[in-house]
């Protein structure tokens, strides 16, 4: 018998004065890097902005933006040995983080309602995907 810690990746649309509207949920084992998940969800996304953490930072981000119209915005992190970010980088990172705040609130709410943040799931060895079937008109 073995247990794995899991993590969730969520793609959601912003709603004013409310928790985000979930469109896609990935549940996977926590040891896996976020980059492969981005490659799995990327074909489902286009002509949009994606606000994420460093796992969504890509070396080929300009190519993805040109081909798909998808731009991933991530906070800028200090480089090794760098004492602080420039004022412009701080402002950009703060703006990205403020935009991501509702999704962080959604994760906090999900954890509060389900306890999933404390869950161990037996035998998680692959990624699970849930995609909303709700139309944009709903």
N, C-alpha and C. Protein backbone atom coordinates (compact mmCIF):
# COMPACT_ATOMS: atom_id res chain seq x y z
N UNK A 1 0.85 -1.17 0.00
CA UNK A 1 0.00 0.00 0.00
C UNK A 1 0.90 1.24 0.00
N UNK A 2 0.54 2.24 -0.81
CA UNK A 2 1.29 3.48 -0.82
C UNK A 2 0.33 4.65 -1.03
N UNK A 3 0.78 5.83 -0.65
CA UNK A 3 -0.04 7.02 -0.77
C UNK A 3 0.77 8.11 -1.46
N UNK A 4 0.10 8.96 -2.19
CA UNK A 4 0.75 10.09 -2.86
C UNK A 4 0.08 11.38 -2.45
N UNK A 5 0.88 12.42 -2.34
CA UNK A 5 0.32 13.75 -2.15
C UNK A 5 -0.05 14.26 -3.53
N UNK A 6 -1.16 14.96 -3.64
CA UNK A 6 -1.61 15.46 -4.93
C UNK A 6 -1.60 16.98 -4.94
N UNK A 7 -1.59 17.53 -6.16
CA UNK A 7 -1.77 18.97 -6.31
C UNK A 7 -2.77 19.19 -7.43
N UNK A 8 -3.41 20.33 -7.39
CA UNK A 8 -4.41 20.67 -8.39
C UNK A 8 -3.93 21.85 -9.21
N UNK A 9 -4.24 21.82 -10.50
CA UNK A 9 -4.03 22.95 -11.39
C UNK A 9 -5.42 23.33 -11.88
N UNK A 10 -5.74 24.60 -11.85
CA UNK A 10 -7.06 25.07 -12.23
C UNK A 10 -6.94 26.16 -13.28
N UNK A 11 -7.74 26.07 -14.33
CA UNK A 11 -7.90 27.15 -15.29
C UNK A 11 -9.30 27.70 -15.05
N UNK A 12 -9.37 28.98 -14.77
CA UNK A 12 -10.65 29.60 -14.43
C UNK A 12 -10.74 30.99 -15.05
N UNK A 13 -11.95 31.44 -15.23
CA UNK A 13 -12.17 32.80 -15.74
C UNK A 13 -12.53 33.72 -14.58
N UNK A 14 -12.02 34.92 -14.66
CA UNK A 14 -12.28 35.92 -13.64
C UNK A 14 -13.74 36.34 -13.66
N UNK A 15 -14.33 36.47 -12.46
CA UNK A 15 -15.67 37.02 -12.30
C UNK A 15 -15.56 38.14 -11.28
N UNK A 16 -16.19 39.26 -11.55
CA UNK A 16 -16.13 40.38 -10.62
C UNK A 16 -16.85 40.03 -9.32
N UNK A 17 -16.23 40.37 -8.20
CA UNK A 17 -16.80 40.21 -6.86
C UNK A 17 -17.26 38.78 -6.56
N UNK A 18 -16.55 37.80 -7.11
CA UNK A 18 -16.91 36.41 -6.89
C UNK A 18 -15.69 35.53 -7.10
N UNK A 19 -15.80 34.29 -6.64
CA UNK A 19 -14.74 33.33 -6.93
C UNK A 19 -14.71 33.08 -8.44
N UNK A 20 -13.55 32.73 -8.98
CA UNK A 20 -13.45 32.49 -10.43
C UNK A 20 -14.35 31.33 -10.89
N UNK A 21 -14.70 31.36 -12.15
CA UNK A 21 -15.51 30.33 -12.79
C UNK A 21 -14.57 29.26 -13.33
N UNK A 22 -14.58 28.07 -12.72
CA UNK A 22 -13.65 26.99 -13.09
C UNK A 22 -14.00 26.43 -14.46
N UNK A 23 -12.97 26.30 -15.30
CA UNK A 23 -13.15 25.69 -16.61
C UNK A 23 -12.44 24.35 -16.74
N UNK A 24 -11.23 24.25 -16.19
CA UNK A 24 -10.44 23.02 -16.27
C UNK A 24 -9.79 22.76 -14.93
N UNK A 25 -9.79 21.50 -14.49
CA UNK A 25 -9.09 21.11 -13.27
C UNK A 25 -8.21 19.90 -13.59
N UNK A 26 -6.96 19.98 -13.21
CA UNK A 26 -6.03 18.84 -13.29
C UNK A 26 -5.68 18.45 -11.86
N UNK A 27 -5.77 17.18 -11.54
CA UNK A 27 -5.28 16.64 -10.28
C UNK A 27 -4.17 15.66 -10.64
N UNK A 28 -3.02 15.83 -10.00
CA UNK A 28 -1.89 14.97 -10.31
C UNK A 28 -1.03 14.77 -9.07
N UNK A 29 -0.09 13.84 -9.17
CA UNK A 29 0.81 13.64 -8.04
C UNK A 29 1.68 14.87 -7.86
N UNK A 30 1.95 15.22 -6.62
CA UNK A 30 2.63 16.47 -6.31
C UNK A 30 4.07 16.52 -6.78
N UNK A 31 4.71 15.39 -6.94
CA UNK A 31 6.12 15.37 -7.31
C UNK A 31 6.35 15.82 -8.75
N UNK A 32 5.32 15.86 -9.57
CA UNK A 32 5.46 16.21 -10.98
C UNK A 32 5.60 17.72 -11.15
N UNK A 33 6.43 18.13 -12.07
CA UNK A 33 6.62 19.55 -12.38
C UNK A 33 5.40 20.11 -13.11
N UNK A 34 5.15 21.42 -12.97
CA UNK A 34 4.01 22.06 -13.61
C UNK A 34 4.13 22.22 -15.10
N UNK A 35 5.35 22.27 -15.64
CA UNK A 35 5.55 22.47 -17.08
C UNK A 35 4.82 21.48 -17.95
N UNK A 36 4.92 20.15 -17.66
CA UNK A 36 4.17 19.19 -18.47
C UNK A 36 2.66 19.40 -18.43
N UNK A 37 2.14 19.87 -17.30
CA UNK A 37 0.71 20.15 -17.22
C UNK A 37 0.34 21.27 -18.18
N UNK A 38 1.17 22.30 -18.23
CA UNK A 38 0.92 23.41 -19.15
C UNK A 38 0.87 22.90 -20.58
N UNK A 39 1.76 21.97 -20.92
CA UNK A 39 1.75 21.41 -22.28
C UNK A 39 0.45 20.64 -22.54
N UNK A 40 -0.13 20.01 -21.51
CA UNK A 40 -1.38 19.29 -21.68
C UNK A 40 -2.56 20.23 -21.87
N UNK A 41 -2.60 21.34 -21.14
CA UNK A 41 -3.75 22.24 -21.24
C UNK A 41 -3.61 23.28 -22.35
N UNK A 42 -2.39 23.50 -22.79
CA UNK A 42 -2.15 24.54 -23.81
C UNK A 42 -3.02 24.40 -25.04
N UNK A 43 -3.23 23.18 -25.59
CA UNK A 43 -4.09 23.07 -26.79
C UNK A 43 -5.53 23.52 -26.55
N UNK A 44 -5.98 23.53 -25.28
CA UNK A 44 -7.35 23.93 -24.96
C UNK A 44 -7.49 25.44 -24.80
N UNK A 45 -6.37 26.14 -24.81
CA UNK A 45 -6.38 27.57 -24.56
C UNK A 45 -5.87 28.32 -25.77
N UNK A 46 -6.47 29.44 -26.08
CA UNK A 46 -5.96 30.29 -27.16
C UNK A 46 -6.53 31.69 -27.00
N UNK A 47 -5.84 32.64 -27.63
CA UNK A 47 -6.28 34.03 -27.64
C UNK A 47 -6.67 34.52 -26.25
N UNK A 48 -5.73 34.38 -25.31
CA UNK A 48 -6.04 34.74 -23.94
C UNK A 48 -4.77 35.01 -23.15
N UNK A 49 -4.95 35.50 -21.94
CA UNK A 49 -3.85 35.67 -20.99
C UNK A 49 -3.98 34.59 -19.94
N UNK A 50 -2.86 34.00 -19.54
CA UNK A 50 -2.82 33.00 -18.48
C UNK A 50 -1.93 33.55 -17.37
N UNK A 51 -2.49 33.73 -16.19
CA UNK A 51 -1.74 34.22 -15.04
C UNK A 51 -1.38 33.01 -14.20
N UNK A 52 -0.09 32.74 -14.08
CA UNK A 52 0.34 31.54 -13.37
C UNK A 52 1.58 31.78 -12.56
N UNK A 53 2.07 30.68 -11.95
CA UNK A 53 3.33 30.77 -11.20
C UNK A 53 4.48 30.40 -12.13
N UNK A 54 5.66 30.24 -11.57
CA UNK A 54 6.85 30.00 -12.38
C UNK A 54 6.78 28.71 -13.20
N UNK A 55 5.94 27.77 -12.82
CA UNK A 55 5.81 26.52 -13.59
C UNK A 55 5.30 26.79 -15.01
N UNK A 56 4.66 27.93 -15.22
CA UNK A 56 4.11 28.26 -16.53
C UNK A 56 5.02 29.15 -17.36
N UNK A 57 6.18 29.48 -16.82
CA UNK A 57 7.18 30.27 -17.54
C UNK A 57 7.83 29.37 -18.58
N UNK A 58 7.89 29.83 -19.82
CA UNK A 58 8.38 29.00 -20.91
C UNK A 58 9.48 29.70 -21.69
N UNK A 59 10.51 28.97 -22.11
CA UNK A 59 11.55 29.59 -22.95
C UNK A 59 11.03 29.95 -24.34
N UNK A 60 9.98 29.25 -24.80
CA UNK A 60 9.42 29.52 -26.12
C UNK A 60 8.12 30.32 -26.04
N UNK A 61 8.00 31.17 -25.01
CA UNK A 61 6.74 31.90 -24.80
C UNK A 61 6.38 32.82 -25.97
N UNK A 62 7.36 33.41 -26.65
CA UNK A 62 7.05 34.28 -27.79
C UNK A 62 6.45 33.48 -28.94
N UNK A 63 6.98 32.29 -29.17
CA UNK A 63 6.45 31.40 -30.23
C UNK A 63 5.01 30.99 -29.91
N UNK A 64 4.76 30.64 -28.66
CA UNK A 64 3.40 30.25 -28.24
C UNK A 64 2.43 31.41 -28.43
N UNK A 65 2.88 32.61 -28.06
CA UNK A 65 2.02 33.78 -28.21
C UNK A 65 1.69 34.03 -29.69
N UNK A 66 2.68 33.90 -30.58
CA UNK A 66 2.45 34.12 -32.01
C UNK A 66 1.54 33.05 -32.60
N UNK A 67 1.79 31.79 -32.27
CA UNK A 67 1.04 30.68 -32.86
C UNK A 67 -0.36 30.54 -32.29
N UNK A 68 -0.52 30.82 -31.00
CA UNK A 68 -1.76 30.50 -30.31
C UNK A 68 -2.47 31.72 -29.74
N UNK A 69 -1.80 32.84 -29.71
CA UNK A 69 -2.40 34.02 -29.09
C UNK A 69 -2.52 33.86 -27.58
N UNK A 70 -1.69 32.98 -27.01
CA UNK A 70 -1.74 32.69 -25.57
C UNK A 70 -0.50 33.25 -24.91
N UNK A 71 -0.70 34.14 -23.97
CA UNK A 71 0.43 34.75 -23.26
C UNK A 71 0.33 34.37 -21.79
N UNK A 72 1.39 33.74 -21.28
CA UNK A 72 1.47 33.38 -19.86
C UNK A 72 2.20 34.49 -19.11
N UNK A 73 1.55 35.05 -18.12
CA UNK A 73 2.14 36.10 -17.31
C UNK A 73 2.45 35.53 -15.93
N UNK A 74 3.71 35.62 -15.53
CA UNK A 74 4.15 35.08 -14.25
C UNK A 74 4.93 36.16 -13.50
N UNK A 75 4.88 36.14 -12.17
CA UNK A 75 5.67 37.11 -11.42
C UNK A 75 7.16 36.95 -11.72
N UNK A 76 7.88 38.04 -11.68
CA UNK A 76 9.32 38.01 -11.90
C UNK A 76 9.99 37.69 -10.57
N UNK A 77 10.88 36.74 -10.58
CA UNK A 77 11.62 36.34 -9.38
C UNK A 77 13.03 36.92 -9.44
N UNK A 78 13.58 37.20 -8.27
CA UNK A 78 14.95 37.68 -8.21
C UNK A 78 15.89 36.59 -8.70
N UNK A 79 16.93 37.01 -9.41
CA UNK A 79 17.97 36.09 -9.84
C UNK A 79 18.89 35.79 -8.66
N UNK A 80 19.60 34.69 -8.74
CA UNK A 80 20.52 34.32 -7.67
C UNK A 80 21.51 35.46 -7.43
N UNK A 81 21.61 35.90 -6.18
CA UNK A 81 22.52 36.97 -5.81
C UNK A 81 21.93 38.37 -5.98
N UNK A 82 20.77 38.48 -6.61
CA UNK A 82 20.13 39.79 -6.81
C UNK A 82 19.47 40.21 -5.50
N UNK A 83 19.76 41.42 -5.03
CA UNK A 83 19.24 41.89 -3.74
C UNK A 83 17.75 42.23 -3.81
N UNK A 84 17.34 42.90 -4.88
CA UNK A 84 15.93 43.23 -5.03
C UNK A 84 15.60 43.46 -6.49
N UNK A 85 14.30 43.41 -6.79
CA UNK A 85 13.84 43.66 -8.15
C UNK A 85 13.85 45.15 -8.44
N UNK A 86 13.90 45.50 -9.70
CA UNK A 86 13.78 46.90 -10.09
C UNK A 86 12.36 47.36 -9.78
N UNK A 87 12.13 48.67 -9.65
CA UNK A 87 10.77 49.15 -9.39
C UNK A 87 9.77 48.69 -10.45
N UNK A 88 10.21 48.64 -11.71
CA UNK A 88 9.31 48.19 -12.79
C UNK A 88 8.95 46.71 -12.63
N UNK A 89 9.96 45.88 -12.32
CA UNK A 89 9.71 44.45 -12.13
C UNK A 89 8.83 44.20 -10.91
N UNK A 90 9.04 44.97 -9.84
CA UNK A 90 8.18 44.86 -8.64
C UNK A 90 6.74 45.19 -8.97
N UNK A 91 6.55 46.29 -9.72
CA UNK A 91 5.19 46.71 -10.09
C UNK A 91 4.51 45.64 -10.95
N UNK A 92 5.25 45.10 -11.92
CA UNK A 92 4.71 44.05 -12.80
C UNK A 92 4.33 42.81 -11.97
N UNK A 93 5.25 42.37 -11.11
CA UNK A 93 5.01 41.18 -10.29
C UNK A 93 3.82 41.37 -9.36
N UNK A 94 3.71 42.56 -8.78
CA UNK A 94 2.56 42.85 -7.91
C UNK A 94 1.25 42.81 -8.69
N UNK A 95 1.26 43.34 -9.91
CA UNK A 95 0.05 43.32 -10.74
C UNK A 95 -0.35 41.88 -11.09
N UNK A 96 0.63 41.06 -11.46
CA UNK A 96 0.34 39.65 -11.76
C UNK A 96 -0.20 38.94 -10.52
N UNK A 97 0.43 39.18 -9.38
CA UNK A 97 -0.01 38.54 -8.14
C UNK A 97 -1.41 38.98 -7.74
N UNK A 98 -1.73 40.26 -7.91
CA UNK A 98 -3.09 40.73 -7.60
C UNK A 98 -4.11 40.07 -8.51
N UNK A 99 -3.74 39.87 -9.76
CA UNK A 99 -4.66 39.22 -10.70
C UNK A 99 -4.85 37.75 -10.33
N UNK A 100 -3.79 37.12 -9.81
CA UNK A 100 -3.87 35.70 -9.42
C UNK A 100 -4.59 35.51 -8.09
N UNK A 101 -4.77 36.56 -7.31
CA UNK A 101 -5.33 36.43 -5.97
C UNK A 101 -6.68 35.70 -5.94
N UNK A 102 -7.62 35.96 -6.86
CA UNK A 102 -8.89 35.23 -6.81
C UNK A 102 -8.72 33.71 -6.95
N UNK A 103 -7.75 33.26 -7.76
CA UNK A 103 -7.55 31.81 -7.89
C UNK A 103 -6.96 31.24 -6.61
N UNK A 104 -6.10 32.02 -5.94
CA UNK A 104 -5.58 31.58 -4.65
C UNK A 104 -6.71 31.51 -3.63
N UNK A 105 -7.65 32.46 -3.69
CA UNK A 105 -8.82 32.43 -2.81
C UNK A 105 -9.68 31.20 -3.11
N UNK A 106 -9.79 30.85 -4.40
CA UNK A 106 -10.55 29.66 -4.77
C UNK A 106 -9.92 28.40 -4.18
N UNK A 107 -8.59 28.29 -4.26
CA UNK A 107 -7.91 27.14 -3.66
C UNK A 107 -8.14 27.10 -2.15
N UNK A 108 -8.07 28.25 -1.50
CA UNK A 108 -8.31 28.30 -0.05
C UNK A 108 -9.73 27.86 0.27
N UNK A 109 -10.71 28.30 -0.54
CA UNK A 109 -12.10 27.91 -0.33
C UNK A 109 -12.28 26.40 -0.55
N UNK A 110 -11.69 25.87 -1.64
CA UNK A 110 -11.78 24.43 -1.90
C UNK A 110 -11.19 23.62 -0.75
N UNK A 111 -10.06 24.07 -0.23
CA UNK A 111 -9.42 23.38 0.88
C UNK A 111 -10.31 23.43 2.11
N UNK A 112 -10.89 24.59 2.38
CA UNK A 112 -11.76 24.74 3.55
C UNK A 112 -13.00 23.84 3.44
N UNK A 113 -13.58 23.78 2.25
CA UNK A 113 -14.81 23.01 2.06
C UNK A 113 -14.56 21.50 2.00
N UNK A 114 -13.40 21.09 1.48
CA UNK A 114 -13.17 19.66 1.23
C UNK A 114 -12.04 19.06 2.04
N UNK A 115 -11.13 19.89 2.54
CA UNK A 115 -9.94 19.37 3.21
C UNK A 115 -8.95 18.76 2.24
N UNK A 116 -9.10 19.05 0.95
CA UNK A 116 -8.24 18.42 -0.06
C UNK A 116 -6.77 18.77 0.13
N UNK A 117 -6.50 19.92 0.72
CA UNK A 117 -5.11 20.30 0.95
C UNK A 117 -4.40 19.37 1.91
N UNK A 118 -5.17 18.65 2.73
CA UNK A 118 -4.61 17.73 3.70
C UNK A 118 -4.77 16.27 3.24
N UNK A 119 -5.26 16.08 2.02
CA UNK A 119 -5.60 14.73 1.58
C UNK A 119 -4.39 13.99 1.02
N UNK A 120 -4.41 12.70 1.23
CA UNK A 120 -3.50 11.79 0.58
C UNK A 120 -4.38 10.85 -0.23
N UNK A 121 -4.04 10.65 -1.48
CA UNK A 121 -4.86 9.79 -2.33
C UNK A 121 -4.06 8.56 -2.69
N UNK A 122 -4.62 7.41 -2.43
CA UNK A 122 -3.94 6.14 -2.64
C UNK A 122 -3.67 5.92 -4.13
N UNK A 123 -2.41 5.67 -4.46
CA UNK A 123 -2.06 5.20 -5.79
C UNK A 123 -2.21 6.19 -6.92
N UNK A 124 -2.02 7.47 -6.71
CA UNK A 124 -2.10 8.42 -7.82
C UNK A 124 -0.84 8.27 -8.65
N UNK A 125 -1.01 7.82 -9.87
CA UNK A 125 0.16 7.62 -10.74
C UNK A 125 0.02 8.33 -12.07
N UNK A 126 -1.08 9.02 -12.27
CA UNK A 126 -1.23 9.77 -13.51
C UNK A 126 -2.12 10.98 -13.26
N UNK A 127 -2.28 11.79 -14.28
CA UNK A 127 -3.03 13.03 -14.17
C UNK A 127 -4.50 12.79 -14.49
N UNK A 128 -5.37 13.43 -13.72
CA UNK A 128 -6.80 13.38 -13.96
C UNK A 128 -7.23 14.74 -14.49
N UNK A 129 -8.10 14.78 -15.46
CA UNK A 129 -8.56 16.02 -16.06
C UNK A 129 -10.07 16.11 -15.97
N UNK A 130 -10.54 17.28 -15.56
CA UNK A 130 -11.96 17.59 -15.63
C UNK A 130 -12.08 18.88 -16.39
N UNK A 131 -12.93 18.90 -17.42
CA UNK A 131 -13.16 20.11 -18.21
C UNK A 131 -14.64 20.41 -18.17
N UNK A 132 -14.95 21.65 -17.87
CA UNK A 132 -16.34 22.08 -17.80
C UNK A 132 -17.02 21.92 -19.16
N UNK A 133 -18.27 21.51 -19.13
CA UNK A 133 -19.03 21.41 -20.37
C UNK A 133 -19.99 22.59 -20.49
N UNK A 134 -19.91 23.51 -19.53
CA UNK A 134 -20.77 24.69 -19.51
C UNK A 134 -20.40 25.59 -20.67
N UNK A 135 -21.40 26.09 -21.38
CA UNK A 135 -21.12 27.01 -22.49
C UNK A 135 -20.90 28.41 -21.93
N UNK A 136 -20.28 29.28 -22.72
CA UNK A 136 -20.05 30.66 -22.30
C UNK A 136 -21.35 31.43 -22.11
N UNK A 137 -22.44 30.94 -22.69
CA UNK A 137 -23.71 31.63 -22.61
C UNK A 137 -24.42 31.39 -21.28
N UNK A 138 -24.01 30.33 -20.56
CA UNK A 138 -24.73 29.96 -19.33
C UNK A 138 -24.57 30.99 -18.24
